[in-house]
Every structure is written in structure tokens, then in C-alpha cells.
Amino acid sequence: MDLTFGQSEIFAPAVVVAALYFVTLIRLMSKRIPAINAAKLQPDELKTSSYRQQLAANVDVPAQHLTNLTEFPPLFLILAVMFYVTGNVDDTVMWMAWGYAGLRIIHSAIHLGYNNPMHRAIVYLLSMVILLALWIKFALDVVF
């Protein structure tokens, strides 16, 4: 195993991916709280998600993205730990991990920015290909 990167360096792209959760949460709160105040919604009206229909559509985009970040990125975070625990972090894993993290950053920037669905889909699919390749590599290196 020719390793330019150290085993624990797998956590750098994992931290970047995890940070996207918090960046998105901050973005969500920075849009939602002023919108709720502007709509003069009362606390009782916030008990269910139905209040979101009273807010501008763009206010809900960060909430959609936060949900998005709870779908496949956790598979990456789990995999980072699995590669580390098994001692199978190598250069290929690191390049793919950084590729995945970079594509998730781009996906977030598109979704929270100009929000072009086609651009978002392309970046999303590329990130999924990398995630699948990482899982296949893990299976081949460790399981089979």
C-alpha cells in the first residue's frame, strides 16, 4: 500500500462533508427566522410543517438541502470510519474521498445558490458514482 496520505487523513474530507450540515443549517436559520417574523407567524402556527406554505419558496430550499444531506453523505461518513478502522486508507481512497467532498460542496453551492436542477443533478450523479466506487473498493479490499 503506497501511502502518501496518513490513515487519519481520511477524516479531513469527512469533516468537510459534515461541515456542510452546519453551513446549511445556518443558511436555513438565516432565511427562515426573518421569513417567519415577516409573516408574523405565532409560535402555535409553527407546531407542524404546514406553516412553510406561508413562506416564500426560496426560504424552503435550505430545508430541502438539509434533508438531502441526511440521505447519502452519512454513507460516506460511515465509510470513512470503516476505511480508517480497517487500515485501508490509501491514495486512491483519499483522492476519491476528496472528490466526493468537493462534489458535495459544489452540489451545496448550486442548490443553495442559483439552484439549476440540471447542474445539480450532474454533480449529484458524479458524487454518487464516487461514493459507489468507494464502497466497491472497500468491499474488494476488506470483504472479498
Foldseek 3Di string as FASTA:
>chain_A
DDAPDALVCLCVLLVLLVVLLVVLVVVLCVLPVVQCVVLVDDPVVPPDPPCVVVGDPLSCLSVVVNVVSVPPSVLSNVLSVVCSVVVNDHPVLVVLSVLLSVLNVVLSCCSNPVVDPVVNVVSVVVSVVSSVVSVVVCCVVPPD
